[in-house]
Amino acid sequence: MPKGIMSVMKGVAAGLAVGMAAGAAGSMMLGNPRKNKRRIKKAVSAAENVLDSVQGMLR
């Protein structure tokens, strides 16, 4: 793959991961704060895993 396409795909994947984490955090702010912290940590962890997987596929 050309280097420019890989950079674009990494950027898209990073944007999606950050968007998912931000959306999950925003939608969960209305409930129990203690549960929200755990759920937000899980969402961020999942987003990191997705980003790592995409980077691994593009190498």
C-alpha atoms as a PDB file:
ATOM      1  CA  MET A   1       0.000   0.000   0.000  1.00  0.00           C
ATOM      2  CA  PRO A   2       1.232   3.496  -0.697  1.00  0.00           C
ATOM      3  CA  LYS A   3       2.365   5.405   2.357  1.00  0.00           C
ATOM      4  CA  GLY A   4      -0.282   8.135   1.948  1.00  0.00           C
ATOM      5  CA  ILE A   5      -3.156   5.661   2.025  1.00  0.00           C
ATOM      6  CA  MET A   6      -1.791   4.037   5.184  1.00  0.00           C
ATOM      7  CA  SER A   7      -1.586   7.421   6.894  1.00  0.00           C
ATOM      8  CA  VAL A   8      -5.162   8.230   5.940  1.00  0.00           C
ATOM      9  CA  MET A   9      -6.395   4.863   7.216  1.00  0.00           C
ATOM     10  CA  LYS A  10      -4.570   5.327  10.527  1.00  0.00           C
ATOM     11  CA  GLY A  11      -6.122   8.775  10.874  1.00  0.00           C
ATOM     12  CA  VAL A  12      -9.587   7.440  10.136  1.00  0.00           C
ATOM     13  CA  ALA A  13      -9.146   4.612  12.645  1.00  0.00           C
ATOM     14  CA  ALA A  14      -7.874   7.009  15.301  1.00  0.00           C
ATOM     15  CA  GLY A  15     -10.811   9.351  14.710  1.00  0.00           C
ATOM     16  CA  LEU A  16     -13.308   6.515  14.975  1.00  0.00           C
ATOM     17  CA  ALA A  17     -11.709   5.217  18.171  1.00  0.00           C
ATOM     18  CA  VAL A  18     -11.715   8.646  19.816  1.00  0.00           C
ATOM     19  CA  GLY A  19     -15.272   9.268  18.659  1.00  0.00           C
ATOM     20  CA  MET A  20     -16.481   5.977  20.112  1.00  0.00           C
ATOM     21  CA  ALA A  21     -14.823   6.675  23.450  1.00  0.00           C
ATOM     22  CA  ALA A  22     -16.170  10.228  23.592  1.00  0.00           C
ATOM     23  CA  GLY A  23     -19.670   9.076  22.656  1.00  0.00           C
ATOM     24  CA  ALA A  24     -19.636   6.365  25.294  1.00  0.00           C
ATOM     25  CA  ALA A  25     -18.369   8.794  27.923  1.00  0.00           C
ATOM     26  CA  GLY A  26     -20.960  11.408  27.022  1.00  0.00           C
ATOM     27  CA  SER A  27     -23.889   9.012  27.033  1.00  0.00           C
ATOM     28  CA  MET A  28     -22.939   7.516  30.377  1.00  0.00           C
ATOM     29  CA  MET A  29     -22.571  10.766  32.306  1.00  0.00           C
ATOM     30  CA  LEU A  30     -26.184  10.636  33.445  1.00  0.00           C
ATOM     31  CA  GLY A  31     -25.930   7.525  35.643  1.00  0.00           C
ATOM     32  CA  ASN A  32     -23.934   6.338  38.625  1.00  0.00           C
ATOM     33  CA  PRO A  33     -20.475   8.034  38.685  1.00  0.00           C
ATOM     34  CA  ARG A  34     -18.645   4.961  40.005  1.00  0.00           C
ATOM     35  CA  LYS A  35     -20.059   2.701  37.290  1.00  0.00           C
ATOM     36  CA  ASN A  36     -19.393   5.401  34.720  1.00  0.00           C
ATOM     37  CA  LYS A  37     -15.689   5.445  35.542  1.00  0.00           C
ATOM     38  CA  ARG A  38     -15.438   1.704  34.985  1.00  0.00           C
ATOM     39  CA  ARG A  39     -17.424   1.842  31.756  1.00  0.00           C
ATOM     40  CA  ILE A  40     -15.393   4.748  30.408  1.00  0.00           C
ATOM     41  CA  LYS A  41     -12.150   2.908  31.178  1.00  0.00           C
ATOM     42  CA  LYS A  42     -13.476  -0.140  29.332  1.00  0.00           C
ATOM     43  CA  ALA A  43     -14.537   1.988  26.356  1.00  0.00           C
ATOM     44  CA  VAL A  44     -11.133   3.669  26.159  1.00  0.00           C
ATOM     45  CA  SER A  45      -9.414   0.303  26.424  1.00  0.00           C
ATOM     46  CA  ALA A  46     -11.564  -1.107  23.633  1.00  0.00           C
ATOM     47  CA  ALA A  47     -10.809   1.921  21.457  1.00  0.00           C
ATOM     48  CA  GLU A  48      -7.078   1.445  22.061  1.00  0.00           C
ATOM     49  CA  ASN A  49      -7.380  -2.214  21.097  1.00  0.00           C
ATOM     50  CA  VAL A  50      -9.178  -1.324  17.870  1.00  0.00           C
ATOM     51  CA  LEU A  51      -6.520   1.220  16.989  1.00  0.00           C
ATOM     52  CA  ASP A  52      -3.724  -1.264  17.709  1.00  0.00           C
ATOM     53  CA  SER A  53      -5.429  -3.875  15.554  1.00  0.00           C
ATOM     54  CA  VAL A  54      -5.793  -1.474  12.641  1.00  0.00           C
ATOM     55  CA  GLN A  55      -2.157  -0.429  12.924  1.00  0.00           C
ATOM     56  CA  GLY A  56      -1.121  -4.076  12.962  1.00  0.00           C
ATOM     57  CA  MET A  57      -3.136  -4.787   9.822  1.00  0.00           C
ATOM     58  CA  LEU A  58      -1.605  -1.849   7.969  1.00  0.00           C
ATOM     59  CA  ARG A  59       2.001  -2.828   8.672  1.00  0.00           C
END
